[in-house]
Amino acid sequence: MKFVVIFIIVQCLLIQYATAEFSAQKYKEMHDTCVNQSGCPEDIIENARNGDFNPDQRFKAFLKCCFEQEDGLDANGNILVDKVLESFHDDLVAKYEKPMRECNDIVSHAGDTLDYIYNYCYCAYEKTKEHFDIP
């Protein structure tokens, strides 16, 4: 049960960005920056876009970096849902706000920040498969 609950969510940033402020170029820059910082192989990221989340520490660091690039984490490493939603176009906010908040409530940040973000992102993927994206 704990395993199921933990792996029900993915957010942020990891959900498709479609705002004027967050252009395709910025999206690519975020991706490249986070790949460089984390050392995460491209195939791990591509597989995650299709729901195959690898628990590799480099992938977890990549996800954390993406949130950091959008100022989507507080000083304790908690995901700032409202801040992340600000980067979404209004029609996407309507689609993603509820699942993002649900994942925020479900996924515990009792342990490691990288695990928390990874589990949150998986949850978001599970709830938004048809629109899910990772930079």
N, C-alpha and C. Protein backbone atom coordinates (compact mmCIF):
# COMPACT_ATOMS: atom_id res chain seq x y z
N MET A 1 0.82 -1.19 0.00
CA MET A 1 0.00 0.00 0.00
C MET A 1 0.87 1.25 0.00
N LYS A 2 1.89 1.28 0.86
CA LYS A 2 2.77 2.43 0.94
C LYS A 2 3.44 2.67 -0.41
N PHE A 3 3.88 1.59 -1.04
CA PHE A 3 4.53 1.69 -2.34
C PHE A 3 3.58 2.29 -3.38
N VAL A 4 2.33 1.85 -3.37
CA VAL A 4 1.34 2.34 -4.32
C VAL A 4 1.09 3.83 -4.10
N VAL A 5 0.95 4.22 -2.84
CA VAL A 5 0.69 5.62 -2.52
C VAL A 5 1.87 6.49 -2.95
N ILE A 6 3.07 6.02 -2.65
CA ILE A 6 4.26 6.81 -2.97
C ILE A 6 4.41 7.01 -4.47
N PHE A 7 4.10 5.99 -5.25
CA PHE A 7 4.31 6.07 -6.70
C PHE A 7 3.05 6.44 -7.47
N ILE A 8 2.28 7.34 -6.93
CA ILE A 8 1.07 7.76 -7.64
C ILE A 8 1.22 9.15 -8.26
N ILE A 9 2.35 9.92 -8.05
CA ILE A 9 2.38 11.35 -8.44
C ILE A 9 3.58 11.90 -9.27
N VAL A 10 3.46 12.83 -10.27
CA VAL A 10 4.55 13.60 -10.90
C VAL A 10 4.05 14.97 -11.31
N GLN A 11 4.76 15.94 -10.95
CA GLN A 11 4.28 17.27 -11.16
C GLN A 11 5.03 18.11 -12.13
N CYS A 12 5.32 18.63 -11.76
CA CYS A 12 5.81 19.74 -12.14
C CYS A 12 6.69 20.25 -13.11
N LEU A 13 6.46 21.02 -13.14
CA LEU A 13 7.45 21.22 -14.14
C LEU A 13 7.44 20.07 -15.08
N LEU A 14 7.12 18.97 -14.53
CA LEU A 14 7.22 17.77 -15.32
C LEU A 14 5.95 17.59 -16.12
N ILE A 15 4.98 18.40 -15.87
CA ILE A 15 3.77 18.43 -16.68
C ILE A 15 4.02 19.43 -17.80
N GLN A 16 3.41 19.24 -18.91
CA GLN A 16 3.65 20.05 -20.10
C GLN A 16 3.56 21.54 -19.81
N TYR A 17 4.58 22.29 -20.24
CA TYR A 17 4.61 23.74 -20.10
C TYR A 17 4.09 24.33 -21.40
N ALA A 18 3.09 25.17 -21.28
CA ALA A 18 2.58 25.78 -22.50
C ALA A 18 2.18 27.23 -22.23
N THR A 19 3.09 28.03 -21.84
CA THR A 19 2.80 29.44 -21.64
C THR A 19 3.71 30.27 -22.53
N ALA A 20 3.32 31.49 -22.74
CA ALA A 20 4.15 32.38 -23.55
C ALA A 20 5.47 32.63 -22.85
N GLU A 21 5.42 32.75 -21.51
CA GLU A 21 6.64 33.02 -20.76
C GLU A 21 7.62 31.84 -20.80
N PHE A 22 7.09 30.65 -20.89
CA PHE A 22 7.95 29.47 -20.86
C PHE A 22 8.05 28.91 -22.26
N SER A 23 8.86 29.54 -23.06
CA SER A 23 9.00 29.19 -24.47
C SER A 23 9.71 27.86 -24.65
N ALA A 24 9.65 27.39 -25.87
CA ALA A 24 10.35 26.15 -26.21
C ALA A 24 11.84 26.29 -25.96
N GLN A 25 12.38 27.47 -26.20
CA GLN A 25 13.81 27.70 -25.97
C GLN A 25 14.15 27.59 -24.49
N LYS A 26 13.33 28.19 -23.63
CA LYS A 26 13.56 28.11 -22.19
C LYS A 26 13.43 26.67 -21.71
N TYR A 27 12.48 25.97 -22.29
CA TYR A 27 12.26 24.56 -21.96
C TYR A 27 13.52 23.75 -22.29
N LYS A 28 14.07 24.00 -23.48
CA LYS A 28 15.29 23.31 -23.89
C LYS A 28 16.47 23.70 -22.99
N GLU A 29 16.56 24.98 -22.67
CA GLU A 29 17.63 25.44 -21.79
C GLU A 29 17.54 24.77 -20.42
N MET A 30 16.31 24.65 -19.89
CA MET A 30 16.13 23.96 -18.60
C MET A 30 16.60 22.51 -18.72
N HIS A 31 16.18 21.86 -19.78
CA HIS A 31 16.57 20.47 -20.00
C HIS A 31 18.09 20.34 -20.04
N ASP A 32 18.72 21.14 -20.88
CA ASP A 32 20.17 21.05 -21.05
C ASP A 32 20.91 21.37 -19.75
N THR A 33 20.47 22.40 -19.05
CA THR A 33 21.09 22.76 -17.78
C THR A 33 21.00 21.61 -16.79
N CYS A 34 19.81 21.03 -16.69
CA CYS A 34 19.61 19.97 -15.70
C CYS A 34 20.29 18.66 -16.09
N VAL A 35 20.40 18.38 -17.38
CA VAL A 35 21.16 17.21 -17.82
C VAL A 35 22.63 17.41 -17.45
N ASN A 36 23.14 18.60 -17.71
CA ASN A 36 24.55 18.89 -17.40
C ASN A 36 24.81 18.83 -15.90
N GLN A 37 23.91 19.38 -15.09
CA GLN A 37 24.11 19.39 -13.64
C GLN A 37 23.98 18.00 -13.03
N SER A 38 23.04 17.22 -13.54
CA SER A 38 22.76 15.92 -12.93
C SER A 38 23.55 14.77 -13.53
N GLY A 39 23.97 14.92 -14.79
CA GLY A 39 24.62 13.82 -15.49
C GLY A 39 23.65 12.73 -15.91
N CYS A 40 22.36 13.05 -15.91
CA CYS A 40 21.34 12.05 -16.26
C CYS A 40 21.37 11.74 -17.75
N PRO A 41 21.44 10.46 -18.10
CA PRO A 41 21.42 10.07 -19.51
C PRO A 41 20.07 10.39 -20.16
N GLU A 42 20.11 10.79 -21.41
CA GLU A 42 18.90 11.15 -22.16
C GLU A 42 17.89 10.00 -22.22
N ASP A 43 18.38 8.76 -22.32
CA ASP A 43 17.45 7.63 -22.44
C ASP A 43 16.61 7.46 -21.19
N ILE A 44 17.15 7.77 -20.03
CA ILE A 44 16.37 7.68 -18.78
C ILE A 44 15.25 8.71 -18.79
N ILE A 45 15.56 9.91 -19.26
CA ILE A 45 14.54 10.96 -19.34
C ILE A 45 13.47 10.59 -20.36
N GLU A 46 13.89 10.13 -21.51
CA GLU A 46 12.93 9.74 -22.55
C GLU A 46 12.03 8.61 -22.08
N ASN A 47 12.59 7.63 -21.40
CA ASN A 47 11.78 6.52 -20.87
C ASN A 47 10.76 7.02 -19.86
N ALA A 48 11.14 7.99 -19.05
CA ALA A 48 10.21 8.54 -18.05
C ALA A 48 9.04 9.24 -18.71
N ARG A 49 9.27 9.87 -19.84
CA ARG A 49 8.17 10.51 -20.57
C ARG A 49 7.10 9.51 -20.94
N ASN A 50 7.48 8.25 -21.02
CA ASN A 50 6.55 7.16 -21.35
C ASN A 50 6.15 6.35 -20.12
N GLY A 51 6.47 6.86 -18.94
CA GLY A 51 6.03 6.21 -17.71
C GLY A 51 7.01 5.25 -17.08
N ASP A 52 8.17 5.05 -17.68
CA ASP A 52 9.17 4.15 -17.12
C ASP A 52 10.15 4.97 -16.29
N PHE A 53 9.79 5.16 -15.02
CA PHE A 53 10.60 5.98 -14.11
C PHE A 53 11.71 5.16 -13.50
N ASN A 54 12.93 5.52 -13.83
CA ASN A 54 14.11 4.85 -13.31
C ASN A 54 14.52 5.53 -12.00
N PRO A 55 14.71 4.76 -10.92
CA PRO A 55 15.07 5.37 -9.64
C PRO A 55 16.54 5.80 -9.53
N ASP A 56 17.20 5.92 -10.65
CA ASP A 56 18.59 6.36 -10.69
C ASP A 56 18.73 7.73 -10.03
N GLN A 57 19.75 7.89 -9.20
CA GLN A 57 19.96 9.15 -8.49
C GLN A 57 20.17 10.32 -9.46
N ARG A 58 20.74 10.06 -10.61
CA ARG A 58 20.95 11.13 -11.59
C ARG A 58 19.62 11.65 -12.13
N PHE A 59 18.67 10.73 -12.33
CA PHE A 59 17.34 11.15 -12.80
C PHE A 59 16.64 11.95 -11.71
N LYS A 60 16.74 11.50 -10.48
CA LYS A 60 16.14 12.24 -9.37
C LYS A 60 16.74 13.63 -9.27
N ALA A 61 18.05 13.73 -9.45
CA ALA A 61 18.71 15.04 -9.42
C ALA A 61 18.26 15.91 -10.59
N PHE A 62 18.03 15.29 -11.73
CA PHE A 62 17.51 16.02 -12.90
C PHE A 62 16.15 16.62 -12.58
N LEU A 63 15.26 15.83 -12.00
CA LEU A 63 13.92 16.31 -11.66
C LEU A 63 14.00 17.47 -10.67
N LYS A 64 14.84 17.33 -9.66
CA LYS A 64 15.01 18.39 -8.67
C LYS A 64 15.50 19.66 -9.35
N CYS A 65 16.46 19.54 -10.21
CA CYS A 65 16.99 20.68 -10.94
C CYS A 65 15.88 21.39 -11.71
N CYS A 66 15.00 20.65 -12.34
CA CYS A 66 13.90 21.25 -13.10
C CYS A 66 13.03 22.12 -12.20
N PHE A 67 12.71 21.61 -11.03
CA PHE A 67 11.92 22.40 -10.08
C PHE A 67 12.69 23.64 -9.64
N GLU A 68 13.97 23.47 -9.39
CA GLU A 68 14.80 24.61 -8.97
C GLU A 68 14.87 25.68 -10.05
N GLN A 69 14.93 25.28 -11.30
CA GLN A 69 14.98 26.23 -12.41
C GLN A 69 13.75 27.11 -12.47
N GLU A 70 12.63 26.62 -11.97
CA GLU A 70 11.38 27.37 -11.96
C GLU A 70 11.07 27.96 -10.59
N ASP A 71 12.06 27.91 -9.69
CA ASP A 71 11.82 28.36 -8.30
C ASP A 71 10.63 27.64 -7.70
N GLY A 72 10.51 26.36 -8.02
CA GLY A 72 9.38 25.55 -7.60
C GLY A 72 9.60 24.78 -6.31
N LEU A 73 10.67 25.10 -5.58
CA LEU A 73 10.95 24.44 -4.30
C LEU A 73 11.18 25.50 -3.24
N ASP A 74 10.73 25.22 -2.02
CA ASP A 74 11.05 26.13 -0.92
C ASP A 74 12.42 25.77 -0.34
N ALA A 75 12.82 26.45 0.70
CA ALA A 75 14.16 26.25 1.28
C ALA A 75 14.34 24.85 1.85
N ASN A 76 13.24 24.16 2.16
CA ASN A 76 13.30 22.80 2.70
C ASN A 76 13.13 21.73 1.62
N GLY A 77 13.02 22.15 0.37
CA GLY A 77 12.87 21.19 -0.72
C GLY A 77 11.44 20.77 -0.99
N ASN A 78 10.47 21.47 -0.40
CA ASN A 78 9.06 21.16 -0.66
C ASN A 78 8.62 21.80 -1.97
N ILE A 79 7.80 21.09 -2.71
CA ILE A 79 7.31 21.60 -3.98
C ILE A 79 6.29 22.70 -3.73
N LEU A 80 6.48 23.81 -4.42
CA LEU A 80 5.58 24.96 -4.32
C LEU A 80 4.60 24.90 -5.49
N VAL A 81 3.48 24.22 -5.26
CA VAL A 81 2.51 23.98 -6.33
C VAL A 81 2.06 25.29 -6.97
N ASP A 82 1.73 26.29 -6.14
CA ASP A 82 1.26 27.55 -6.70
C ASP A 82 2.31 28.19 -7.61
N LYS A 83 3.56 28.13 -7.20
CA LYS A 83 4.65 28.70 -8.00
C LYS A 83 4.78 27.96 -9.34
N VAL A 84 4.70 26.66 -9.29
CA VAL A 84 4.79 25.88 -10.52
C VAL A 84 3.60 26.18 -11.44
N LEU A 85 2.42 26.26 -10.87
CA LEU A 85 1.23 26.54 -11.67
C LEU A 85 1.30 27.90 -12.36
N GLU A 86 2.04 28.84 -11.78
CA GLU A 86 2.20 30.16 -12.40
C GLU A 86 2.84 30.07 -13.78
N SER A 87 3.61 29.03 -14.02
CA SER A 87 4.29 28.90 -15.31
C SER A 87 3.39 28.25 -16.37
N PHE A 88 2.19 27.84 -15.98
CA PHE A 88 1.28 27.17 -16.90
C PHE A 88 0.29 28.17 -17.50
N HIS A 89 -0.10 27.91 -18.74
CA HIS A 89 -1.17 28.66 -19.38
C HIS A 89 -2.46 28.33 -18.64
N ASP A 90 -3.43 29.26 -18.64
CA ASP A 90 -4.67 29.09 -17.86
C ASP A 90 -5.39 27.78 -18.14
N ASP A 91 -5.44 27.36 -19.41
CA ASP A 91 -6.16 26.11 -19.71
C ASP A 91 -5.45 24.90 -19.11
N LEU A 92 -4.12 24.98 -18.97
CA LEU A 92 -3.39 23.87 -18.35
C LEU A 92 -3.57 23.88 -16.84
N VAL A 93 -3.67 25.06 -16.27
CA VAL A 93 -3.91 25.14 -14.82
C VAL A 93 -5.21 24.41 -14.50
N ALA A 94 -6.23 24.60 -15.31
CA ALA A 94 -7.51 23.94 -15.10
C ALA A 94 -7.37 22.41 -15.14
N LYS A 95 -6.49 21.91 -15.99
CA LYS A 95 -6.28 20.47 -16.11
C LYS A 95 -5.42 19.90 -14.99
N TYR A 96 -4.41 20.67 -14.56
CA TYR A 96 -3.38 20.11 -13.69
C TYR A 96 -3.45 20.52 -12.23
N GLU A 97 -4.18 21.56 -11.93
CA GLU A 97 -4.18 22.02 -10.54
C GLU A 97 -4.65 20.94 -9.56
N LYS A 98 -5.76 20.31 -9.86
CA LYS A 98 -6.29 19.29 -8.96
C LYS A 98 -5.32 18.11 -8.79
N PRO A 99 -4.83 17.49 -9.87
CA PRO A 99 -3.89 16.37 -9.68
C PRO A 99 -2.60 16.79 -8.99
N MET A 100 -2.13 17.99 -9.27
CA MET A 100 -0.89 18.45 -8.63
C MET A 100 -1.10 18.62 -7.13
N ARG A 101 -2.22 19.17 -6.75
CA ARG A 101 -2.51 19.34 -5.31
C ARG A 101 -2.74 17.99 -4.64
N GLU A 102 -3.40 17.09 -5.35
CA GLU A 102 -3.60 15.73 -4.80
C GLU A 102 -2.26 15.05 -4.55
N CYS A 103 -1.37 15.14 -5.51
CA CYS A 103 -0.05 14.52 -5.36
C CYS A 103 0.71 15.18 -4.21
N ASN A 104 0.57 16.48 -4.09
CA ASN A 104 1.23 17.19 -3.00
C ASN A 104 0.74 16.69 -1.65
N ASP A 105 -0.55 16.35 -1.57
CA ASP A 105 -1.12 15.84 -0.32
C ASP A 105 -0.76 14.37 -0.07
N ILE A 106 -0.59 13.61 -1.14
CA ILE A 106 -0.33 12.17 -1.01
C ILE A 106 1.13 11.85 -0.71
N VAL A 107 2.03 12.52 -1.40
CA VAL A 107 3.45 12.18 -1.31
C VAL A 107 4.06 12.85 -0.09
N SER A 108 4.67 12.05 0.74
CA SER A 108 5.30 12.54 1.96
C SER A 108 6.72 13.01 1.71
N HIS A 109 7.09 14.09 2.35
CA HIS A 109 8.47 14.57 2.27
C HIS A 109 9.18 14.28 3.59
N ALA A 110 8.89 13.12 4.15
CA ALA A 110 9.49 12.73 5.42
C ALA A 110 10.95 12.32 5.26
N GLY A 111 11.34 11.97 4.08
CA GLY A 111 12.71 11.48 3.87
C GLY A 111 13.53 12.38 2.98
N ASP A 112 14.26 11.78 2.09
CA ASP A 112 15.17 12.44 1.18
C ASP A 112 14.43 13.31 0.17
N THR A 113 14.92 14.50 -0.08
CA THR A 113 14.28 15.42 -1.02
C THR A 113 14.24 14.84 -2.43
N LEU A 114 15.30 14.18 -2.87
CA LEU A 114 15.31 13.60 -4.21
C LEU A 114 14.23 12.53 -4.35
N ASP A 115 14.07 11.70 -3.33
CA ASP A 115 13.02 10.67 -3.37
C ASP A 115 11.64 11.30 -3.39
N TYR A 116 11.46 12.34 -2.58
CA TYR A 116 10.18 13.05 -2.52
C TYR A 116 9.81 13.61 -3.89
N ILE A 117 10.73 14.29 -4.55
CA ILE A 117 10.45 14.88 -5.86
C ILE A 117 10.18 13.79 -6.89
N TYR A 118 10.97 12.75 -6.87
CA TYR A 118 10.78 11.61 -7.78
C TYR A 118 9.38 11.02 -7.60
N ASN A 119 8.99 10.77 -6.36
CA ASN A 119 7.68 10.17 -6.08
C ASN A 119 6.55 11.12 -6.46
N TYR A 120 6.75 12.40 -6.23
CA TYR A 120 5.76 13.39 -6.62
C TYR A 120 5.57 13.38 -8.14
N CYS A 121 6.67 13.35 -8.85
CA CYS A 121 6.61 13.36 -10.30
C CYS A 121 5.95 12.10 -10.85
N TYR A 122 6.22 10.98 -10.23
CA TYR A 122 5.57 9.75 -10.68
C TYR A 122 4.07 9.83 -10.44
N CYS A 123 3.68 10.36 -9.32
CA CYS A 123 2.26 10.56 -9.02
C CYS A 123 1.62 11.43 -10.10
N ALA A 124 2.27 12.54 -10.42
CA ALA A 124 1.73 13.44 -11.43
C ALA A 124 1.61 12.72 -12.78
N TYR A 125 2.58 11.90 -13.10
CA TYR A 125 2.50 11.12 -14.34
C TYR A 125 1.26 10.23 -14.31
N GLU A 126 1.07 9.53 -13.23
CA GLU A 126 -0.07 8.61 -13.11
C GLU A 126 -1.42 9.33 -13.27
N LYS A 127 -1.48 10.56 -12.81
CA LYS A 127 -2.73 11.30 -12.85
C LYS A 127 -2.93 12.11 -14.13
N THR A 128 -1.87 12.28 -14.91
CA THR A 128 -1.97 13.13 -16.10
C THR A 128 -1.25 12.51 -17.30
N LYS A 129 -1.33 11.23 -17.45
CA LYS A 129 -0.57 10.52 -18.50
C LYS A 129 -0.75 11.12 -19.89
N GLU A 130 -1.96 11.52 -20.21
CA GLU A 130 -2.22 12.00 -21.56
C GLU A 130 -1.56 13.34 -21.87
N HIS A 131 -1.14 14.08 -20.84
CA HIS A 131 -0.54 15.39 -21.05
C HIS A 131 0.85 15.51 -20.43
N PHE A 132 1.31 14.49 -19.80
CA PHE A 132 2.55 14.56 -19.02
C PHE A 132 3.76 14.83 -19.91
N ASP A 133 4.67 15.63 -19.38
CA ASP A 133 5.91 15.89 -20.10
C ASP A 133 7.01 16.19 -19.10
N ILE A 134 8.23 15.94 -19.51
CA ILE A 134 9.42 16.24 -18.72
C ILE A 134 10.32 17.08 -19.62
N PRO A 135 10.89 18.16 -19.09
CA PRO A 135 11.77 18.99 -19.93
C PRO A 135 12.89 18.19 -20.57
